[in-house]
Structure formats: structure tokens, C-alpha cells
Protein backbone atom coordinates (compact mmCIF):
# COMPACT_ATOMS: atom_id res chain seq x y z
CA MET A 1 -29.05 45.85 81.94
CA THR A 2 -29.90 42.57 83.72
CA LEU A 3 -33.46 41.49 84.43
CA ILE A 4 -32.21 38.06 86.23
CA GLY A 5 -30.42 38.08 89.46
CA ILE A 6 -27.72 35.15 90.12
CA THR A 7 -26.59 34.14 93.51
CA ARG A 8 -25.25 30.80 94.86
CA ALA A 9 -25.20 28.79 98.19
CA ARG A 10 -24.15 25.25 99.14
CA GLY A 11 -25.74 23.91 95.72
CA ILE A 12 -28.66 25.95 95.04
CA ALA A 13 -28.46 28.63 92.86
CA THR A 14 -31.27 31.23 92.96
CA LEU A 15 -32.57 33.18 89.93
CA ALA A 16 -34.26 36.26 90.69
CA LEU A 17 -36.71 37.80 88.25
CA ASP A 18 -35.70 41.45 88.73
CA SER A 19 -37.67 43.93 86.89
CA PRO A 20 -39.51 45.45 89.42
CA GLY A 21 -40.26 48.53 87.59
CA ASN A 22 -42.84 46.55 84.95
CA ARG A 23 -43.90 43.76 88.08
CA ASN A 24 -41.61 41.19 86.70
CA ALA A 25 -43.85 41.16 83.26
CA LEU A 26 -42.32 38.61 80.58
CA SER A 27 -40.84 40.51 77.95
CA ALA A 28 -39.22 39.40 75.44
CA ASP A 29 -35.46 39.98 77.18
CA LEU A 30 -36.45 38.59 80.32
CA VAL A 31 -38.17 35.46 78.78
CA THR A 32 -34.67 35.49 77.09
CA GLU A 33 -32.24 35.72 79.97
CA LEU A 34 -33.89 33.26 82.16
CA ALA A 35 -34.05 30.68 79.48
CA ASP A 36 -30.19 30.95 79.62
CA ALA A 37 -29.86 31.36 82.98
CA LEU A 38 -31.31 28.06 83.98
CA THR A 39 -29.39 26.46 80.35
CA ALA A 40 -26.30 27.42 82.40
CA CYS A 41 -27.55 25.90 85.86
CA GLY A 42 -28.71 23.14 84.19
CA LYS A 43 -25.01 22.39 82.73
CA ASP A 44 -23.19 23.36 86.16
CA PRO A 45 -22.11 20.10 88.23
CA ASP A 46 -22.11 22.29 91.36
CA VAL A 47 -26.15 23.01 90.89
CA ARG A 48 -28.05 20.74 92.65
CA ALA A 49 -31.32 22.77 92.19
CA VAL A 50 -32.49 26.00 91.20
CA VAL A 51 -34.53 28.44 93.23
CA LEU A 52 -36.68 30.94 91.27
CA THR A 53 -38.32 33.79 93.12
CA HIS A 54 -38.63 37.64 92.68
CA SER A 55 -37.40 41.12 93.44
CA GLY A 56 -39.95 43.72 94.05
CA ASN A 57 -43.94 42.86 95.63
CA THR A 58 -44.93 40.63 92.21
CA PHE A 59 -43.35 37.18 91.29
CA SER A 60 -44.43 38.34 87.34
CA ALA A 61 -47.63 40.39 86.13
CA GLY A 62 -47.63 38.01 83.03
CA ALA A 63 -46.51 38.96 79.59
CA ASP A 64 -45.44 42.31 79.03
CA LEU A 65 -48.01 44.04 76.62
CA ARG A 66 -45.31 46.45 75.36
CA GLN A 67 -42.90 44.26 74.95
CA PRO A 68 -44.05 40.62 74.45
CA PRO A 69 -42.05 37.77 73.99
CA ASP A 70 -42.39 35.52 70.89
CA PRO A 71 -44.72 32.30 71.67
CA ALA A 72 -41.98 29.98 70.87
CA ALA A 73 -39.38 31.60 73.08
CA PHE A 74 -42.18 31.59 75.87
CA VAL A 75 -43.37 27.81 75.18
CA GLY A 76 -39.67 26.84 75.17
CA LEU A 77 -38.93 28.71 78.98
CA LEU A 78 -41.80 26.64 80.05
CA ARG A 79 -40.96 23.45 78.51
CA GLY A 80 -37.00 24.02 79.47
CA ILE A 81 -38.18 24.03 83.36
CA VAL A 82 -40.16 21.20 82.94
CA GLU A 83 -36.97 19.31 81.01
CA LEU A 84 -34.14 20.96 83.52
CA PRO A 85 -31.95 18.15 84.88
CA LYS A 86 -32.69 19.68 88.44
CA PRO A 87 -35.54 20.38 90.10
CA VAL A 88 -36.66 23.89 90.07
CA VAL A 89 -38.31 25.13 93.08
CA ALA A 90 -40.33 28.69 93.01
CA ARG A 91 -40.46 30.96 96.01
CA VAL A 92 -43.23 33.21 95.99
CA THR A 93 -43.97 36.20 98.43
CA GLY A 94 -45.68 38.47 96.17
CA HIS A 95 -48.67 38.57 93.52
CA VAL A 96 -48.51 36.12 90.47
CA ARG A 97 -50.82 36.60 87.72
CA ALA A 98 -51.46 35.04 83.89
CA GLY A 99 -48.24 33.95 82.30
CA GLY A 100 -46.25 34.24 85.87
CA LEU A 101 -48.48 31.17 86.78
CA GLY A 102 -47.10 29.18 84.10
CA LEU A 103 -44.03 29.33 85.52
CA LEU A 104 -45.05 28.60 88.89
CA GLY A 105 -47.00 25.35 86.93
CA ALA A 106 -43.87 24.40 85.64
CA CYS A 107 -41.93 24.38 88.47
CA ASP A 108 -41.64 21.25 90.71
CA ILE A 109 -42.24 22.60 93.37
CA ALA A 110 -43.39 26.06 94.85
CA ALA A 111 -43.89 27.79 97.61
CA GLY A 112 -45.24 30.80 99.04
CA GLY A 113 -45.67 33.44 101.82
CA PRO A 114 -48.56 34.83 103.64
CA GLY A 115 -48.76 37.84 100.87
CA THR A 116 -49.22 36.27 97.62
CA SER A 117 -52.36 36.27 95.51
CA PHE A 118 -52.83 34.68 92.01
CA ALA A 119 -55.05 35.31 89.58
CA PHE A 120 -55.63 33.72 85.58
CA THR A 121 -56.66 36.97 84.46
CA GLU A 122 -56.58 36.42 80.69
CA VAL A 123 -60.08 35.96 80.40
CA ARG A 124 -60.00 39.65 81.51
CA ILE A 125 -58.42 41.04 78.67
CA GLY A 126 -60.06 39.14 75.83
CA VAL A 127 -57.49 35.82 75.30
CA ALA A 128 -57.45 32.63 77.43
CA PRO A 129 -55.04 30.59 79.40
CA ALA A 130 -53.61 28.44 76.31
CA VAL A 131 -50.04 27.97 76.50
CA ILE A 132 -49.81 27.78 80.03
CA SER A 133 -52.54 25.10 80.36
CA MET A 134 -49.65 22.54 79.45
CA PRO A 135 -47.92 22.55 82.73
CA LEU A 136 -50.83 23.49 84.86
CA LEU A 137 -53.48 21.53 84.15
CA PRO A 138 -51.80 18.30 85.08
CA ARG A 139 -51.29 19.64 88.37
CA LEU A 140 -54.18 21.87 89.17
CA GLU A 141 -57.31 20.32 91.04
CA PRO A 142 -60.10 20.34 87.59
CA GLY A 143 -62.91 21.76 89.50
CA ALA A 144 -60.74 24.84 90.83
CA ALA A 145 -58.85 25.26 87.38
CA ARG A 146 -62.15 25.68 85.80
CA ARG A 147 -63.42 27.99 88.21
CA TYR A 148 -60.42 29.99 88.45
CA CYS A 149 -60.03 30.41 84.53
CA LEU A 150 -63.08 31.24 83.72
CA THR A 151 -63.57 34.01 86.11
CA GLY A 152 -60.23 35.13 86.44
CA GLU A 153 -60.94 35.94 90.38
CA ARG A 154 -58.05 36.11 92.86
CA PHE A 155 -57.05 33.49 95.31
CA GLY A 156 -54.79 33.39 98.03
CA ALA A 157 -51.82 31.03 99.47
CA ALA A 158 -53.89 28.59 101.32
CA GLU A 159 -56.17 28.04 98.29
CA ALA A 160 -53.25 27.51 96.10
CA VAL A 161 -52.32 25.00 98.16
CA ARG A 162 -55.22 23.08 98.51
CA ILE A 163 -55.79 23.35 94.37
CA GLY A 164 -52.09 21.94 94.17
CA LEU A 165 -50.26 25.48 92.57
CA LEU A 166 -48.47 25.26 95.56
CA THR A 167 -46.65 22.51 97.36
CA ALA A 168 -46.30 24.50 100.44
CA SER A 169 -47.00 28.22 102.29
CA GLY A 170 -46.38 29.48 105.70
CA ASP A 171 -45.68 32.70 107.20
CA ASP A 172 -41.81 32.44 106.43
CA VAL A 173 -41.33 31.04 103.16
CA ASP A 174 -37.87 31.01 103.49
CA GLU A 175 -38.56 28.33 106.85
CA THR A 176 -40.97 26.63 104.70
CA LEU A 177 -38.44 25.95 101.81
CA ALA A 178 -35.43 25.32 104.03
CA PRO A 179 -36.04 21.12 104.62
CA ILE A 180 -37.29 20.76 100.91
CA LEU A 181 -34.13 21.98 99.90
CA ASP A 182 -32.17 20.43 102.73
CA GLY A 183 -33.91 17.04 100.83
CA LEU A 184 -32.39 18.13 97.86
CA ARG A 185 -29.07 19.13 98.61
CA ALA A 186 -29.16 15.09 100.62
CA ALA A 187 -30.40 13.73 97.22
CA ALA A 188 -27.60 11.74 94.65
CA PRO A 189 -27.79 14.07 91.66
CA GLY A 190 -28.16 11.33 88.99
CA ALA A 191 -31.08 9.74 91.03
CA LEU A 192 -32.37 13.59 91.19
CA ALA A 193 -32.26 13.63 87.19
CA GLU A 194 -33.83 10.44 86.88
CA THR A 195 -36.44 11.41 88.97
CA LYS A 196 -37.15 14.66 87.84
CA THR A 197 -37.75 12.86 84.44
CA LEU A 198 -40.15 10.04 86.29
CA VAL A 199 -42.60 12.55 87.93
CA THR A 200 -42.79 15.13 84.71
CA ALA A 201 -43.29 12.21 82.33
CA ARG A 202 -46.85 14.00 81.77
CA VAL A 203 -46.36 17.38 81.75
CA LEU A 204 -43.97 16.84 78.50
CA GLU A 205 -46.59 14.55 77.17
CA SER A 206 -48.66 17.81 76.83
CA PHE A 207 -45.96 19.44 75.38
CA ASP A 208 -45.58 16.90 72.79
CA ARG A 209 -49.20 16.73 71.74
CA ASP A 210 -50.59 19.85 72.38
CA THR A 211 -47.80 23.25 71.58
CA ALA A 212 -48.61 23.56 68.28
CA ALA A 213 -52.38 24.07 68.30
CA LEU A 214 -52.30 25.96 71.46
CA THR A 215 -49.54 28.48 70.34
CA ALA A 216 -52.11 29.27 67.10
CA LEU A 217 -55.11 29.10 69.41
CA SER A 218 -52.96 31.81 71.79
CA ALA A 219 -51.78 33.97 68.18
CA ARG A 220 -55.46 33.43 66.82
CA LEU A 221 -56.59 35.17 70.25
CA PHE A 222 -54.00 37.90 70.50
CA ALA A 223 -55.00 39.36 67.42
CA THR A 224 -59.03 39.43 67.68
CA ALA A 225 -60.90 42.66 68.43
CA GLU A 226 -61.47 41.86 72.13
CA ALA A 227 -58.02 41.35 73.16
CA ARG A 228 -57.37 44.47 71.26
CA GLU A 229 -60.05 46.20 73.71
CA GLY A 230 -58.81 44.24 76.40
CA MET A 231 -55.37 44.95 76.37
CA THR A 232 -55.78 48.85 75.67
CA ALA A 233 -58.25 48.79 78.60
CA PHE A 234 -55.76 47.23 80.85
CA LEU A 235 -53.17 49.92 79.84
CA GLU A 236 -55.39 52.31 80.34
CA ARG A 237 -56.30 51.12 83.56
CA ARG A 238 -60.20 51.27 82.58
CA ASP A 239 -62.81 48.40 82.41
CA PRO A 240 -63.15 46.94 79.03
CA ALA A 241 -66.45 47.57 76.42
CA TRP A 242 -67.83 43.62 77.56
CA ALA A 243 -67.68 44.63 81.49
CA LEU A 244 -71.26 44.22 82.77
């Protein structure tokens, strides 16, 4: 079963997360398929830019707790988006949670529609947004990053734009994206690749510096009693024992 839908039109390759049955959770298989599809787009001279979108009402619910990806594979996927020599544009029309926000943070541009919602839900299942902090913290307004990472509160598209998570939002996400994609189509491929290298340098510095420590932190937290309780409560659709 294919978990990534792929279409092409006028130099834009659209990759759609296509596992709506589990809300496009980041399973080992989905992470591998998406990484392979991105690599192919990076090597294709006919692809000027990549749009990353989704089927169903959820862009991604975060890590698949039943079939989680290898941490190194997930880090590799995030870094692969940042390093891809083509711009990657997120198109969001639904909900984004936890690790799904890491995908948004790794994209160069992100646009959302009116039905979008976002939440860093890691603290509510007993872990932390460790690995995804590498692409996200350089782009988020610091006060908002502290608030939403610590509380797990939901917020909408307008707030996502204000804090830097989304580049733009509108009632019709495709109308919002149209001038952005036309701008990418008008750009010289070599210049586009070099410019992406310039604007992603700060994020890659974070990957170079912090990957080992944050991957270890994530592994340690997922092995704790809190995480076991939090994940069990999530799967059983109940509040965890610590909830007041």
C-alpha cells in the first residue's frame, strides 16, 4: 500500500501524505516512503519545487505510537527536507500535531487554510518536542514557542502565521499558494538552490550541533514510566494519571 501520493504539474511535484486511517501518523513506512519521494524530487531536473500536503482532515497527528519510525530515520527525513536543493512548500488544510509540526518547520514555506489547527502535544503524553525543536525553534517567535511547547494548547492559522509557523493563510489555501508557486517557477533553478542554502544555514547548524543530544533525549523520555502512561492513556482515550 502506497502511503505517499505523487502528482506533477508545471514544475511542481506534489507529495501527499496518504494514510488518513491513522490521521497520517508518522509510521516507519510513511517516513521511509516520504524520504524516498523527496530524494527522487531532488534529483529530477523537471521539478522546480515540492508541495507537501495530505489527504483527509489531518496533515499529520505526529508519531505513530503503534509503528514508530526509527529516530535516526525521522531526523534524516527532517534534515532531508531542509537540505533538499528544491524549495519545499507545505500545504495544510487540516490538523497538525507533535511530530507533524516538525515537517512544517523543516519546510521552506508553509500555508494553511481556515480549518487548520496546531498543537505541540508531546508534554501531554509524557515526552518533549526534542528532535522537532531543531527546525522549529529557529523560525518560531520565542515567547510563543515557550507557551505552546509547555502547555500543549491548540491554536489556529492566524496565530500560526503570527508566531512564524505558517508563512501565510487564507480562506482558499490554493489561492494563497498560487503567487508563491508562480514565483518559484520564475526562479532560475541554480539560483534557487544556492539561495535555499543561504536561508537554511541556521537550521542546519542546529542539526549539526544538536542531533545526537536531542535524539538521545527523545529516546530516554520515550522509555520513562510517564511516557508509557501517557501513550497508554492516549491509545485508551482517557486522561493520564497525572492530569489534574
